C-alpha cells in the first residue's frame, strides 16, 4: 500500500484492575459481575474504556475502580499490557492492567454497568469452572504471580499483620499468598536471616493454651536480603 494511502488501524484502549487482599486467611481478588454485553452475567475484573483522548490512563483506572466497585485511595502499579487480536468481541482492544495489593480493604459496592462486586478467592477465580470474561483469567494469574514474587523480595507481608505479630501470624500471610504450607522451622530461619525484616517487640504473648509466643513488629527495610524464596 502506498504511504499516502495508509490509515492507522482502529484500536480501542481500556484499563483492567487486579486488586488483591486477604480475607479469612485466603488471597482474594476483586471481581465484578458484568451487567452488560458482551459476557453479561459473567465475572470480570473491574475496568473499562478511556472516556476520551484526553483522559490519563491511570486516572481512567482509578475512575473505573471507583465507579464499578466503590474503592478509592488504593496504590496502583502497572502490571502489563494485553492486546492480542480477538481478546474482545467488540473489536481490537488493548488493555493496560494495573495491580494493587493492600490490606484492610472494605467490601466493594457495585455501580455503573456492574451488576455486583465481591472478593473472590483466587483459587476460585483461576479455576476452569469459573466463567470469566475476556482474557481476565490470564491477567489475574499474572497479578497473583507478581504478588507472590513481591513477598519474596519485599517486606509487604508485614502490612497484612497487626502492629505487633507472632512469627506464626506472619507465616499465615505467606501461606495464604503463596498457596502452600510452610515448615515453621525453615520459615523462622529464613525470616530471621533477612536482615531488618522484623524486630522483636515487647513481652511475649500468652495464649489461652500452648507456649508463650514472642512478638515482633515490621523492621526498617523494604527490600529483603536474602529474599524469602518460595518452596
Protein backbone atom coordinates (compact mmCIF):
# COMPACT_ATOMS: atom_id res chain seq x y z
CA UNK A 1 0.00 0.00 0.00
CA UNK A 2 1.45 3.43 -0.87
CA UNK A 3 2.43 5.52 2.15
CA UNK A 4 -0.10 8.24 1.32
CA UNK A 5 -2.92 5.64 1.44
CA UNK A 6 -2.00 4.24 4.88
CA UNK A 7 -4.55 4.77 7.61
CA UNK A 8 -3.96 3.96 11.29
CA UNK A 9 -5.94 0.91 12.48
CA UNK A 10 -8.96 1.42 14.72
CA UNK A 11 -7.83 0.36 18.20
CA UNK A 12 -9.65 0.96 21.49
CA UNK A 13 -7.74 1.47 24.76
CA UNK A 14 -9.05 0.05 28.03
CA UNK A 15 -7.90 -0.50 31.60
CA UNK A 16 -8.28 -3.54 33.87
CA UNK A 17 -7.55 -3.78 37.59
CA UNK A 18 -6.27 -6.71 39.64
CA UNK A 19 -6.98 -5.76 43.27
CA UNK A 20 -5.77 -8.33 45.82
CA UNK A 21 -6.28 -8.57 49.57
CA UNK A 22 -6.57 -11.19 52.30
CA UNK A 23 -9.96 -12.32 53.56
CA UNK A 24 -10.27 -15.06 56.19
CA UNK A 25 -6.69 -16.23 55.56
CA UNK A 26 -7.29 -16.51 51.80
CA UNK A 27 -5.86 -14.42 48.98
CA UNK A 28 -8.83 -12.85 47.20
CA UNK A 29 -9.30 -10.80 44.05
CA UNK A 30 -11.92 -8.15 43.39
CA UNK A 31 -14.36 -9.27 40.69
CA UNK A 32 -17.49 -7.65 39.33
CA UNK A 33 -20.45 -9.27 37.64
CA UNK A 34 -20.93 -7.75 34.21
CA UNK A 35 -24.31 -6.13 33.75
CA UNK A 36 -23.94 -5.50 30.01
CA UNK A 37 -22.92 -7.38 26.88
CA UNK A 38 -20.57 -8.89 25.96
CA UNK A 39 -20.31 -11.56 28.68
CA UNK A 40 -23.39 -10.29 30.52
CA UNK A 41 -23.59 -12.06 33.90
CA UNK A 42 -20.00 -13.32 33.80
CA UNK A 43 -17.39 -12.37 36.38
CA UNK A 44 -14.69 -9.92 35.30
CA UNK A 45 -12.04 -7.60 36.60
CA UNK A 46 -13.11 -4.01 37.20
CA UNK A 47 -12.22 -1.88 34.20
CA UNK A 48 -13.40 -0.19 31.07
CA UNK A 49 -12.55 2.13 28.22
CA UNK A 50 -10.94 5.53 28.45
CA UNK A 51 -13.54 8.27 28.23
CA UNK A 52 -11.73 10.22 25.51
CA UNK A 53 -8.29 11.02 24.11
CA UNK A 54 -7.63 13.48 26.95
CA UNK A 55 -8.06 11.09 29.90
CA UNK A 56 -4.86 9.85 31.57
CA UNK A 57 -4.60 6.05 31.65
CA UNK A 58 -4.05 5.72 35.41
CA UNK A 59 -6.81 8.28 36.01
CA UNK A 60 -9.12 6.07 33.95
CA UNK A 61 -8.14 3.06 36.09
CA UNK A 62 -8.94 4.94 39.29
CA UNK A 63 -12.23 6.18 37.87
CA UNK A 64 -13.28 2.65 36.88
CA UNK A 65 -12.30 1.31 40.32
CA UNK A 66 -14.45 3.95 41.96
CA UNK A 67 -17.39 3.62 39.57
CA UNK A 68 -17.53 -0.20 39.43
CA UNK A 69 -16.53 -1.14 42.98
CA UNK A 70 -16.69 1.99 45.13
CA UNK A 71 -12.99 1.82 46.08
CA UNK A 72 -10.53 4.70 46.19
CA UNK A 73 -7.11 5.62 47.63
CA UNK A 74 -5.59 2.31 46.52
CA UNK A 75 -1.94 2.26 45.43
CA UNK A 76 -1.79 1.05 41.81
CA UNK A 77 1.22 -0.19 39.88
CA UNK A 78 1.41 -1.17 36.21
CA UNK A 79 1.03 -4.92 35.68
CA UNK A 80 1.12 -5.40 31.91
CA UNK A 81 -0.38 -4.64 28.51
CA UNK A 82 -2.76 -7.13 26.88
CA UNK A 83 -3.59 -6.67 23.23
CA UNK A 84 -3.89 -10.00 21.42
CA UNK A 85 -6.28 -9.87 18.45
CA UNK A 86 -9.65 -11.41 19.29
CA UNK A 87 -9.46 -10.87 23.06
CA UNK A 88 -12.60 -8.70 22.88
CA UNK A 89 -15.57 -9.38 20.57
CA UNK A 90 -16.22 -5.64 20.22
CA UNK A 91 -13.09 -5.09 18.15
CA UNK A 92 -9.36 -4.63 18.57
CA UNK A 93 -8.96 -3.64 22.23
CA UNK A 94 -5.65 -3.10 24.03
CA UNK A 95 -5.89 -3.14 27.83
CA UNK A 96 -3.42 -1.65 30.31
CA UNK A 97 -3.66 -3.66 33.53
CA UNK A 98 -2.88 -2.32 36.99
CA UNK A 99 -2.20 -4.21 40.20
CA UNK A 100 -2.89 -3.35 43.83
CA UNK A 101 -2.06 -5.48 46.86
CA UNK A 102 -3.43 -3.94 50.01
CA UNK A 103 -4.67 -4.95 53.48
CA UNK A 104 -7.87 -3.82 55.18
CA UNK A 105 -9.84 -3.08 52.02
CA UNK A 106 -13.59 -2.61 52.55
CA UNK A 107 -16.38 -4.56 50.95
CA UNK A 108 -16.85 -3.36 47.36
CA UNK A 109 -20.05 -1.67 46.21
CA UNK A 110 -21.12 -2.30 42.62
CA UNK A 111 -22.01 0.64 40.42
CA UNK A 112 -22.47 1.81 36.81
CA UNK A 113 -22.54 -1.24 34.50
CA UNK A 114 -21.55 -3.81 37.17
CA UNK A 115 -24.38 -5.97 38.49
CA UNK A 116 -22.37 -6.99 41.54
CA UNK A 117 -18.91 -6.80 43.12
CA UNK A 118 -17.23 -9.12 45.61
CA UNK A 119 -13.94 -10.50 46.90
CA UNK A 120 -13.35 -13.91 45.33
CA UNK A 121 -10.67 -16.42 46.44
CA UNK A 122 -8.02 -16.52 43.72
CA UNK A 123 -8.21 -20.33 43.62
CA UNK A 124 -11.86 -20.00 42.60
CA UNK A 125 -11.15 -17.19 40.13
CA UNK A 126 -8.43 -19.21 38.42
CA UNK A 127 -10.48 -22.42 38.34
CA UNK A 128 -11.51 -23.61 34.89
CA UNK A 129 -15.07 -24.00 36.21
CA UNK A 130 -15.42 -20.25 36.85
CA UNK A 131 -16.77 -18.28 33.88
CA UNK A 132 -14.56 -15.21 33.44
CA UNK A 133 -14.94 -12.58 30.75
CA UNK A 134 -12.34 -11.81 28.08
CA UNK A 135 -8.77 -12.93 28.97
CA UNK A 136 -9.14 -11.96 32.61
CA UNK A 137 -8.07 -15.37 33.93
CA UNK A 138 -4.64 -14.77 32.38
CA UNK A 139 -4.46 -11.23 33.80
CA UNK A 140 -5.40 -12.48 37.28
CA UNK A 141 -2.78 -15.22 37.07
CA UNK A 142 -0.14 -12.63 36.17
CA UNK A 143 -1.23 -10.42 39.08
CA UNK A 144 -1.13 -13.29 41.57
CA UNK A 145 2.35 -14.28 40.40
CA UNK A 146 3.52 -10.67 40.82
CA UNK A 147 2.08 -10.62 44.37
CA UNK A 148 3.81 -13.87 45.26
CA UNK A 149 7.12 -12.55 43.95
CA UNK A 150 6.68 -9.35 45.98
CA UNK A 151 6.51 -11.38 49.18
CA UNK A 152 9.81 -12.97 48.23
CA UNK A 153 11.66 -9.72 47.70
CA UNK A 154 9.89 -7.09 49.85
CA UNK A 155 8.55 -6.65 53.38
CA UNK A 156 4.97 -6.40 52.06
CA UNK A 157 3.76 -9.34 54.21
CA UNK A 158 4.07 -7.33 57.43
CA UNK A 159 1.43 -4.89 56.13
CA UNK A 160 -1.15 -7.69 56.48
CA UNK A 161 -0.31 -8.22 60.16
CA UNK A 162 -1.26 -6.19 63.20
CA UNK A 163 1.24 -3.62 64.55
CA UNK A 164 2.75 -6.44 66.62
CA UNK A 165 2.53 -10.04 65.50
CA UNK A 166 3.93 -13.51 66.07
CA UNK A 167 6.03 -15.41 63.58
CA UNK A 168 3.14 -17.83 63.22
CA UNK A 169 0.83 -14.99 62.15
CA UNK A 170 3.40 -13.78 59.62
CA UNK A 171 3.73 -17.33 58.30
CA UNK A 172 -0.04 -17.45 57.75
CA UNK A 173 0.24 -14.44 55.42
CA UNK A 174 2.90 -16.16 53.33
CA UNK A 175 0.89 -19.38 53.20
CA UNK A 176 -2.25 -17.51 52.08
CA UNK A 177 -0.50 -15.62 49.29
CA UNK A 178 1.80 -18.41 48.12
CA UNK A 179 -0.89 -21.06 48.43
CA UNK A 180 1.40 -23.58 50.16
CA UNK A 181 2.02 -24.90 53.65
CA UNK A 182 5.39 -23.92 55.11
CA UNK A 183 7.61 -25.74 57.56
CA UNK A 184 7.71 -23.47 60.66
CA UNK A 185 11.36 -24.05 61.50
CA UNK A 186 12.52 -23.38 57.95
CA UNK A 187 10.27 -20.30 57.73
CA UNK A 188 11.53 -18.86 61.01
CA UNK A 189 15.11 -19.40 59.91
CA UNK A 190 14.54 -17.53 56.65
CA UNK A 191 12.69 -14.65 58.34
CA UNK A 192 15.37 -14.15 60.95
CA UNK A 193 18.05 -14.38 58.26
CA UNK A 194 16.56 -11.46 56.30
CA UNK A 195 18.30 -8.54 57.97
CA UNK A 196 15.97 -5.78 59.19
CA UNK A 197 12.81 -7.59 58.12
CA UNK A 198 11.27 -7.85 61.60
CA UNK A 199 12.24 -6.59 65.06
CA UNK A 200 11.44 -8.16 68.44
CA UNK A 201 8.87 -6.12 70.33
CA UNK A 202 7.81 -6.15 73.99
CA UNK A 203 6.85 -9.08 76.20
CA UNK A 204 5.76 -12.46 74.93
CA UNK A 205 2.11 -13.06 74.14
CA UNK A 206 0.48 -15.62 76.42
CA UNK A 207 -2.13 -17.67 74.51
CA UNK A 208 -5.03 -19.41 76.24
CA UNK A 209 -3.21 -22.69 75.65
CA UNK A 210 0.23 -23.60 74.44
CA UNK A 211 3.58 -21.87 74.88
CA UNK A 212 4.02 -18.08 75.03
CA UNK A 213 4.91 -16.56 71.65
CA UNK A 214 7.41 -13.76 71.06
CA UNK A 215 6.04 -10.61 69.46
CA UNK A 216 7.58 -8.73 66.53
CA UNK A 217 6.95 -5.59 64.52
CA UNK A 218 7.92 -4.59 60.99
CA UNK A 219 11.59 -3.72 60.65
CA UNK A 220 13.15 -0.76 58.82
CA UNK A 221 13.87 -2.43 55.46
CA UNK A 222 11.53 -2.56 52.46
CA UNK A 223 13.63 -4.85 50.24
CA UNK A 224 14.58 -8.25 51.69
CA UNK A 225 18.08 -9.65 51.51
CA UNK A 226 18.40 -12.51 51.27
CA UNK A 227 14.93 -12.91 49.74
CA UNK A 228 12.23 -15.17 51.19
CA UNK A 229 12.27 -17.74 48.38
CA UNK A 230 9.21 -19.91 47.81
CA UNK A 231 9.44 -23.69 48.29
